Amino acid sequence: MRRWGGAVVGHGGFSRPGELLGGMRLEDVYTPAERVRSAGRTLEHWAGRLAGKRAVVRLLGLPPVAHHLGQVEILPLPAPDCRAGAACLDGHPPAVRLTGDLARRAWPHRIRVSISHTATHALAVALSSDPLLEDTLAVDGGRGAGRG
């Protein structure tokens, strides 16, 4: 695994999320939870999530094909004190969850992603790191017994 991976996704001139995918199917690239969470959101939002997925796949040293992209889930990680939980639409940092074959591999570190947007592009950087205190807080509400 590399220490970081980055990706840029252009969305200027497009009008639908499927146009971002270069022939891949929306259902193969975005998980069901991502599709529900993104429904009704701007194209910029879809492009940011795709840039995050591509950055993670590059970090893992894998090609950015639908099979791999679809096993990387990028969803907001609400703060422990956020009353809305997963339904919150405020800006929370994105969390990475690996599913399928990628989840079964023994990745030695946590994967973190940062996503930014312009009017025509979305940019993401994925980093590998050791677990941090906020990992424990996010998992167990601050009780100190979270995953490492």
N, C-alpha and C. Protein backbone atom coordinates (compact mmCIF):
# COMPACT_ATOMS: atom_id res chain seq x y z
N MET A 1 0.85 -1.17 0.00
CA MET A 1 0.00 0.00 0.00
C MET A 1 0.89 1.24 0.00
N ARG A 2 0.50 2.22 -0.79
CA ARG A 2 1.20 3.49 -0.81
C ARG A 2 0.82 4.31 0.41
N ARG A 3 1.50 5.40 0.66
CA ARG A 3 1.19 6.27 1.79
C ARG A 3 0.07 7.25 1.46
N TRP A 4 -0.13 7.53 0.17
CA TRP A 4 -1.20 8.43 -0.22
C TRP A 4 -1.63 8.15 -1.66
N GLY A 5 -2.81 8.61 -1.99
CA GLY A 5 -3.33 8.52 -3.35
C GLY A 5 -4.19 9.74 -3.60
N GLY A 6 -4.19 10.23 -4.80
CA GLY A 6 -4.97 11.41 -5.13
C GLY A 6 -5.75 11.21 -6.41
N ALA A 7 -6.79 12.01 -6.58
CA ALA A 7 -7.61 11.92 -7.80
C ALA A 7 -8.33 13.24 -8.03
N VAL A 8 -8.54 13.55 -9.30
CA VAL A 8 -9.33 14.71 -9.72
C VAL A 8 -10.40 14.19 -10.67
N VAL A 9 -11.63 14.63 -10.47
CA VAL A 9 -12.74 14.26 -11.35
C VAL A 9 -13.36 15.55 -11.88
N GLY A 10 -13.33 15.71 -13.19
CA GLY A 10 -13.97 16.87 -13.80
C GLY A 10 -15.46 16.64 -13.95
N HIS A 11 -16.26 17.65 -13.58
CA HIS A 11 -17.71 17.51 -13.72
C HIS A 11 -18.31 18.68 -14.49
N GLY A 12 -17.49 19.60 -14.96
CA GLY A 12 -17.99 20.73 -15.74
C GLY A 12 -18.58 20.24 -17.07
N GLY A 13 -19.74 20.73 -17.40
CA GLY A 13 -20.38 20.35 -18.65
C GLY A 13 -21.24 19.09 -18.57
N PHE A 14 -21.19 18.39 -17.45
CA PHE A 14 -22.03 17.20 -17.28
C PHE A 14 -23.32 17.60 -16.56
N SER A 15 -24.34 16.77 -16.75
CA SER A 15 -25.62 17.07 -16.08
C SER A 15 -26.14 15.91 -15.23
N ARG A 16 -25.56 14.71 -15.38
CA ARG A 16 -26.02 13.54 -14.63
C ARG A 16 -24.83 12.80 -14.03
N PRO A 17 -25.00 12.16 -12.87
CA PRO A 17 -23.90 11.42 -12.24
C PRO A 17 -23.28 10.35 -13.12
N GLY A 18 -24.10 9.66 -13.91
CA GLY A 18 -23.58 8.60 -14.76
C GLY A 18 -22.55 9.08 -15.77
N GLU A 19 -22.61 10.35 -16.14
CA GLU A 19 -21.66 10.89 -17.10
C GLU A 19 -20.24 10.98 -16.54
N LEU A 20 -20.11 10.95 -15.24
CA LEU A 20 -18.79 11.01 -14.59
C LEU A 20 -18.01 9.71 -14.71
N LEU A 21 -18.70 8.63 -15.05
CA LEU A 21 -18.15 7.29 -14.86
C LEU A 21 -17.48 6.67 -16.08
N GLY A 22 -17.43 7.35 -17.18
CA GLY A 22 -16.73 6.82 -18.35
C GLY A 22 -17.20 5.45 -18.79
N GLY A 23 -18.51 5.23 -18.80
CA GLY A 23 -19.06 3.96 -19.26
C GLY A 23 -19.34 2.95 -18.17
N MET A 24 -18.86 3.18 -16.95
CA MET A 24 -19.18 2.26 -15.85
C MET A 24 -20.61 2.54 -15.38
N ARG A 25 -21.24 1.52 -14.81
CA ARG A 25 -22.61 1.68 -14.32
C ARG A 25 -22.63 2.31 -12.93
N LEU A 26 -23.55 3.21 -12.70
CA LEU A 26 -23.71 3.87 -11.41
C LEU A 26 -23.83 2.84 -10.29
N GLU A 27 -24.60 1.78 -10.53
CA GLU A 27 -24.85 0.75 -9.52
C GLU A 27 -23.60 -0.06 -9.20
N ASP A 28 -22.63 -0.08 -10.10
CA ASP A 28 -21.39 -0.82 -9.86
C ASP A 28 -20.34 0.01 -9.12
N VAL A 29 -20.43 1.33 -9.22
CA VAL A 29 -19.42 2.21 -8.65
C VAL A 29 -19.83 2.75 -7.28
N TYR A 30 -21.10 3.14 -7.15
CA TYR A 30 -21.59 3.70 -5.89
C TYR A 30 -22.38 2.65 -5.12
N THR A 31 -22.12 2.52 -3.82
CA THR A 31 -22.84 1.55 -2.99
C THR A 31 -24.29 2.02 -2.83
N PRO A 32 -25.18 1.11 -2.43
CA PRO A 32 -26.57 1.53 -2.20
C PRO A 32 -26.67 2.71 -1.21
N ALA A 33 -25.91 2.67 -0.14
CA ALA A 33 -25.96 3.77 0.85
C ALA A 33 -25.48 5.08 0.24
N GLU A 34 -24.46 5.02 -0.61
CA GLU A 34 -23.97 6.24 -1.27
C GLU A 34 -25.02 6.80 -2.23
N ARG A 35 -25.69 5.92 -2.95
CA ARG A 35 -26.72 6.38 -3.89
C ARG A 35 -27.88 7.04 -3.15
N VAL A 36 -28.29 6.45 -2.03
CA VAL A 36 -29.38 7.03 -1.24
C VAL A 36 -28.93 8.38 -0.68
N ARG A 37 -27.74 8.42 -0.14
CA ARG A 37 -27.21 9.64 0.47
C ARG A 37 -27.00 10.76 -0.56
N SER A 38 -26.71 10.40 -1.81
CA SER A 38 -26.42 11.39 -2.85
C SER A 38 -27.64 11.80 -3.66
N ALA A 39 -28.72 11.07 -3.54
CA ALA A 39 -29.93 11.38 -4.33
C ALA A 39 -30.35 12.82 -4.07
N GLY A 40 -30.57 13.55 -5.15
CA GLY A 40 -31.00 14.93 -5.04
C GLY A 40 -29.88 15.92 -4.77
N ARG A 41 -28.67 15.44 -4.62
CA ARG A 41 -27.54 16.33 -4.37
C ARG A 41 -26.96 16.81 -5.70
N THR A 42 -26.05 17.75 -5.64
CA THR A 42 -25.46 18.32 -6.85
C THR A 42 -24.49 17.35 -7.50
N LEU A 43 -24.23 17.58 -8.77
CA LEU A 43 -23.25 16.78 -9.49
C LEU A 43 -21.86 16.92 -8.85
N GLU A 44 -21.58 18.08 -8.32
CA GLU A 44 -20.33 18.33 -7.61
C GLU A 44 -20.16 17.33 -6.46
N HIS A 45 -21.25 17.05 -5.77
CA HIS A 45 -21.24 16.10 -4.66
C HIS A 45 -20.90 14.69 -5.15
N TRP A 46 -21.54 14.25 -6.23
CA TRP A 46 -21.26 12.93 -6.80
C TRP A 46 -19.80 12.85 -7.25
N ALA A 47 -19.30 13.91 -7.88
CA ALA A 47 -17.91 13.94 -8.37
C ALA A 47 -16.93 13.88 -7.20
N GLY A 48 -17.24 14.55 -6.11
CA GLY A 48 -16.38 14.50 -4.92
C GLY A 48 -16.28 13.10 -4.35
N ARG A 49 -17.42 12.44 -4.26
CA ARG A 49 -17.42 11.07 -3.75
C ARG A 49 -16.63 10.15 -4.68
N LEU A 50 -16.77 10.34 -6.00
CA LEU A 50 -16.01 9.53 -6.96
C LEU A 50 -14.52 9.81 -6.85
N ALA A 51 -14.14 11.07 -6.69
CA ALA A 51 -12.73 11.41 -6.51
C ALA A 51 -12.18 10.74 -5.25
N GLY A 52 -12.97 10.72 -4.17
CA GLY A 52 -12.54 10.05 -2.94
C GLY A 52 -12.32 8.56 -3.16
N LYS A 53 -13.23 7.92 -3.87
CA LYS A 53 -13.10 6.49 -4.17
C LYS A 53 -11.84 6.23 -5.00
N ARG A 54 -11.62 7.06 -6.03
CA ARG A 54 -10.44 6.87 -6.88
C ARG A 54 -9.15 7.08 -6.10
N ALA A 55 -9.14 8.07 -5.21
CA ALA A 55 -7.95 8.31 -4.39
C ALA A 55 -7.65 7.11 -3.50
N VAL A 56 -8.67 6.51 -2.91
CA VAL A 56 -8.48 5.34 -2.05
C VAL A 56 -7.96 4.16 -2.86
N VAL A 57 -8.54 3.94 -4.02
CA VAL A 57 -8.11 2.82 -4.87
C VAL A 57 -6.64 3.01 -5.28
N ARG A 58 -6.26 4.24 -5.59
CA ARG A 58 -4.85 4.50 -5.93
C ARG A 58 -3.95 4.28 -4.72
N LEU A 59 -4.39 4.70 -3.56
CA LEU A 59 -3.64 4.46 -2.33
C LEU A 59 -3.38 2.96 -2.15
N LEU A 60 -4.38 2.15 -2.45
CA LEU A 60 -4.27 0.70 -2.29
C LEU A 60 -3.50 0.04 -3.43
N GLY A 61 -3.12 0.83 -4.45
CA GLY A 61 -2.34 0.30 -5.56
C GLY A 61 -3.15 -0.54 -6.53
N LEU A 62 -4.44 -0.25 -6.63
CA LEU A 62 -5.34 -1.01 -7.50
C LEU A 62 -5.82 -0.14 -8.66
N PRO A 63 -6.21 -0.76 -9.76
CA PRO A 63 -6.72 0.04 -10.88
C PRO A 63 -8.12 0.58 -10.56
N PRO A 64 -8.46 1.78 -11.06
CA PRO A 64 -9.76 2.39 -10.77
C PRO A 64 -10.88 1.85 -11.66
N VAL A 65 -11.15 0.57 -11.52
CA VAL A 65 -12.22 -0.08 -12.28
C VAL A 65 -13.46 -0.19 -11.38
N ALA A 66 -14.61 -0.40 -11.98
CA ALA A 66 -15.87 -0.44 -11.23
C ALA A 66 -15.83 -1.43 -10.07
N HIS A 67 -15.23 -2.60 -10.29
CA HIS A 67 -15.17 -3.63 -9.25
C HIS A 67 -14.49 -3.09 -7.98
N HIS A 68 -13.40 -2.36 -8.12
CA HIS A 68 -12.70 -1.81 -6.96
C HIS A 68 -13.39 -0.57 -6.42
N LEU A 69 -13.80 0.34 -7.30
CA LEU A 69 -14.46 1.56 -6.85
C LEU A 69 -15.72 1.25 -6.05
N GLY A 70 -16.46 0.24 -6.47
CA GLY A 70 -17.70 -0.13 -5.79
C GLY A 70 -17.50 -0.74 -4.42
N GLN A 71 -16.27 -1.13 -4.10
CA GLN A 71 -15.97 -1.70 -2.79
C GLN A 71 -15.40 -0.66 -1.82
N VAL A 72 -15.33 0.59 -2.26
CA VAL A 72 -14.90 1.70 -1.41
C VAL A 72 -16.13 2.55 -1.17
N GLU A 73 -16.54 2.66 0.08
CA GLU A 73 -17.71 3.46 0.41
C GLU A 73 -17.24 4.73 1.12
N ILE A 74 -17.69 5.88 0.60
CA ILE A 74 -17.34 7.18 1.17
C ILE A 74 -18.64 7.80 1.67
N LEU A 75 -18.77 7.89 2.98
CA LEU A 75 -19.95 8.50 3.60
C LEU A 75 -19.49 9.42 4.71
N PRO A 76 -20.27 10.45 5.05
CA PRO A 76 -19.87 11.36 6.12
C PRO A 76 -19.83 10.64 7.47
N LEU A 77 -18.91 11.07 8.30
CA LEU A 77 -18.79 10.53 9.65
C LEU A 77 -19.22 11.61 10.63
N PRO A 78 -20.49 11.60 11.06
CA PRO A 78 -20.95 12.64 11.97
C PRO A 78 -20.18 12.63 13.28
N ALA A 79 -20.02 13.79 13.84
CA ALA A 79 -19.36 13.91 15.14
C ALA A 79 -20.23 13.24 16.19
N PRO A 80 -19.61 12.73 17.27
CA PRO A 80 -20.39 12.04 18.31
C PRO A 80 -21.51 12.90 18.90
N ASP A 81 -21.34 14.22 18.92
CA ASP A 81 -22.37 15.07 19.52
C ASP A 81 -23.40 15.58 18.51
N CYS A 82 -23.34 15.10 17.26
CA CYS A 82 -24.31 15.50 16.24
C CYS A 82 -25.62 14.74 16.48
N ARG A 83 -26.68 15.46 16.71
CA ARG A 83 -27.97 14.83 17.01
C ARG A 83 -28.62 14.18 15.81
N ALA A 84 -28.27 14.62 14.60
CA ALA A 84 -28.92 14.08 13.40
C ALA A 84 -28.31 12.74 12.97
N GLY A 85 -27.13 12.40 13.46
CA GLY A 85 -26.50 11.14 13.11
C GLY A 85 -26.23 11.03 11.62
N ALA A 86 -26.44 9.86 11.04
CA ALA A 86 -26.15 9.62 9.63
C ALA A 86 -27.02 10.45 8.70
N ALA A 87 -28.15 10.97 9.17
CA ALA A 87 -29.04 11.77 8.34
C ALA A 87 -28.62 13.24 8.26
N CYS A 88 -27.59 13.63 9.00
CA CYS A 88 -27.15 15.03 9.04
C CYS A 88 -26.63 15.47 7.68
N LEU A 89 -27.04 16.64 7.24
CA LEU A 89 -26.58 17.18 5.97
C LEU A 89 -25.50 18.25 6.15
N ASP A 90 -25.07 18.48 7.38
CA ASP A 90 -23.96 19.41 7.62
C ASP A 90 -22.67 18.78 7.16
N GLY A 91 -21.66 19.59 6.97
CA GLY A 91 -20.38 19.09 6.50
C GLY A 91 -19.62 18.33 7.58
N HIS A 92 -19.60 17.03 7.47
CA HIS A 92 -18.80 16.19 8.36
C HIS A 92 -17.69 15.57 7.54
N PRO A 93 -16.57 15.25 8.16
CA PRO A 93 -15.48 14.65 7.39
C PRO A 93 -15.90 13.31 6.80
N PRO A 94 -15.41 13.02 5.59
CA PRO A 94 -15.78 11.74 4.98
C PRO A 94 -15.07 10.58 5.66
N ALA A 95 -15.78 9.49 5.77
CA ALA A 95 -15.21 8.26 6.32
C ALA A 95 -15.12 7.23 5.20
N VAL A 96 -14.13 6.38 5.28
CA VAL A 96 -13.90 5.34 4.28
C VAL A 96 -14.24 3.99 4.88
N ARG A 97 -15.05 3.22 4.17
CA ARG A 97 -15.33 1.84 4.57
C ARG A 97 -15.09 0.97 3.37
N LEU A 98 -14.27 -0.05 3.56
CA LEU A 98 -14.00 -1.01 2.48
C LEU A 98 -14.97 -2.17 2.62
N THR A 99 -15.49 -2.64 1.50
CA THR A 99 -16.44 -3.74 1.49
C THR A 99 -15.93 -4.84 0.57
N GLY A 100 -16.63 -5.95 0.50
CA GLY A 100 -16.28 -7.03 -0.42
C GLY A 100 -14.87 -7.56 -0.24
N ASP A 101 -14.21 -7.82 -1.37
CA ASP A 101 -12.84 -8.35 -1.35
C ASP A 101 -11.88 -7.42 -0.63
N LEU A 102 -12.07 -6.12 -0.79
CA LEU A 102 -11.15 -5.16 -0.15
C LEU A 102 -11.25 -5.22 1.37
N ALA A 103 -12.43 -5.46 1.90
CA ALA A 103 -12.60 -5.54 3.35
C ALA A 103 -11.92 -6.78 3.93
N ARG A 104 -11.81 -7.82 3.12
CA ARG A 104 -11.21 -9.08 3.61
C ARG A 104 -9.68 -9.05 3.61
N ARG A 105 -9.11 -8.09 2.90
CA ARG A 105 -7.64 -7.96 2.91
C ARG A 105 -7.21 -7.34 4.22
N ALA A 106 -5.99 -7.61 4.62
CA ALA A 106 -5.46 -7.08 5.88
C ALA A 106 -4.70 -5.78 5.61
N TRP A 107 -5.42 -4.66 5.51
CA TRP A 107 -4.77 -3.36 5.33
C TRP A 107 -4.21 -2.95 6.68
N PRO A 108 -2.94 -2.57 6.76
CA PRO A 108 -2.31 -2.32 8.06
C PRO A 108 -2.69 -1.01 8.72
N HIS A 109 -3.32 -0.07 8.02
CA HIS A 109 -3.59 1.25 8.59
C HIS A 109 -5.02 1.69 8.30
N ARG A 110 -5.41 2.74 8.98
CA ARG A 110 -6.67 3.42 8.68
C ARG A 110 -6.51 4.19 7.38
N ILE A 111 -7.59 4.36 6.67
CA ILE A 111 -7.56 5.16 5.46
C ILE A 111 -8.43 6.39 5.71
N ARG A 112 -7.86 7.53 5.44
CA ARG A 112 -8.56 8.80 5.60
C ARG A 112 -8.62 9.50 4.26
N VAL A 113 -9.68 10.27 4.04
CA VAL A 113 -9.82 10.96 2.76
C VAL A 113 -10.28 12.40 3.02
N SER A 114 -9.77 13.30 2.18
CA SER A 114 -10.20 14.69 2.19
C SER A 114 -10.68 15.03 0.79
N ILE A 115 -11.82 15.69 0.70
CA ILE A 115 -12.43 15.99 -0.59
C ILE A 115 -12.68 17.50 -0.67
N SER A 116 -12.39 18.08 -1.83
CA SER A 116 -12.65 19.49 -2.07
C SER A 116 -13.24 19.65 -3.47
N HIS A 117 -13.88 20.81 -3.72
CA HIS A 117 -14.56 21.05 -4.98
C HIS A 117 -14.22 22.42 -5.53
N THR A 118 -14.29 22.54 -6.84
CA THR A 118 -14.37 23.84 -7.52
C THR A 118 -15.64 23.79 -8.36
N ALA A 119 -15.85 24.81 -9.15
CA ALA A 119 -17.05 24.84 -9.98
C ALA A 119 -17.05 23.75 -11.05
N THR A 120 -15.87 23.24 -11.42
CA THR A 120 -15.79 22.26 -12.51
C THR A 120 -15.05 20.98 -12.16
N HIS A 121 -14.43 20.91 -10.98
CA HIS A 121 -13.63 19.74 -10.61
C HIS A 121 -13.82 19.38 -9.14
N ALA A 122 -13.65 18.11 -8.85
CA ALA A 122 -13.59 17.63 -7.47
C ALA A 122 -12.22 16.98 -7.29
N LEU A 123 -11.63 17.18 -6.14
CA LEU A 123 -10.29 16.69 -5.84
C LEU A 123 -10.32 15.95 -4.52
N ALA A 124 -9.61 14.84 -4.45
CA ALA A 124 -9.54 14.08 -3.20
C ALA A 124 -8.13 13.56 -2.98
N VAL A 125 -7.76 13.48 -1.72
CA VAL A 125 -6.50 12.88 -1.31
C VAL A 125 -6.83 11.84 -0.25
N ALA A 126 -6.28 10.64 -0.40
CA ALA A 126 -6.45 9.58 0.59
C ALA A 126 -5.09 9.30 1.22
N LEU A 127 -5.07 9.14 2.53
CA LEU A 127 -3.84 8.89 3.28
C LEU A 127 -4.00 7.66 4.14
N SER A 128 -2.90 6.96 4.35
CA SER A 128 -2.91 5.85 5.31
C SER A 128 -2.30 6.38 6.60
N SER A 129 -2.88 5.99 7.73
CA SER A 129 -2.37 6.45 9.03
C SER A 129 -2.68 5.43 10.10
N ASP A 130 -1.99 5.57 11.20
CA ASP A 130 -2.32 4.78 12.37
C ASP A 130 -3.63 5.30 12.95
N PRO A 131 -4.33 4.50 13.74
CA PRO A 131 -5.58 4.97 14.35
C PRO A 131 -5.33 6.20 15.22
N LEU A 132 -6.30 7.11 15.24
CA LEU A 132 -6.24 8.32 16.04
C LEU A 132 -7.32 8.28 17.11
N LEU A 133 -7.24 9.16 18.07
CA LEU A 133 -8.21 9.23 19.16
C LEU A 133 -9.63 9.38 18.62
N GLU A 134 -9.82 10.21 17.59
CA GLU A 134 -11.18 10.40 17.08
C GLU A 134 -11.78 9.14 16.48
N ASP A 135 -10.94 8.17 16.10
CA ASP A 135 -11.47 6.90 15.62
C ASP A 135 -12.24 6.22 16.75
N THR A 136 -11.70 6.22 17.93
CA THR A 136 -12.34 5.63 19.10
C THR A 136 -13.59 6.42 19.46
N LEU A 137 -13.51 7.75 19.44
CA LEU A 137 -14.66 8.57 19.79
C LEU A 137 -15.80 8.38 18.82
N ALA A 138 -15.51 8.28 17.54
CA ALA A 138 -16.56 8.13 16.53
C ALA A 138 -17.25 6.78 16.64
N VAL A 139 -16.52 5.75 17.03
CA VAL A 139 -17.09 4.41 17.08
C VAL A 139 -17.91 4.17 18.34
N ASP A 140 -17.43 4.66 19.47
CA ASP A 140 -18.13 4.31 20.73
C ASP A 140 -18.66 5.52 21.48
N GLY A 141 -18.79 6.67 20.80
CA GLY A 141 -19.36 7.83 21.46
C GLY A 141 -18.48 8.38 22.56
N GLY A 142 -17.18 8.10 22.54
CA GLY A 142 -16.26 8.65 23.51
C GLY A 142 -16.00 7.77 24.70
N ARG A 143 -16.48 6.54 24.71
CA ARG A 143 -16.31 5.67 25.87
C ARG A 143 -14.95 4.99 25.88
N GLY A 144 -14.18 5.08 24.78
CA GLY A 144 -12.82 4.57 24.79
C GLY A 144 -12.63 3.12 24.40
N ALA A 145 -13.65 2.46 23.88
CA ALA A 145 -13.52 1.03 23.57
C ALA A 145 -13.67 0.75 22.08
N GLY A 146 -13.27 1.69 21.26
CA GLY A 146 -13.47 1.53 19.82
C GLY A 146 -12.45 0.67 19.14
N ARG A 147 -12.66 0.52 17.82
CA ARG A 147 -11.72 -0.26 17.01
C ARG A 147 -10.39 0.47 16.95
N GLY A 148 -9.32 -0.29 16.74
CA GLY A 148 -8.00 0.32 16.66
C GLY A 148 -7.54 0.33 15.33
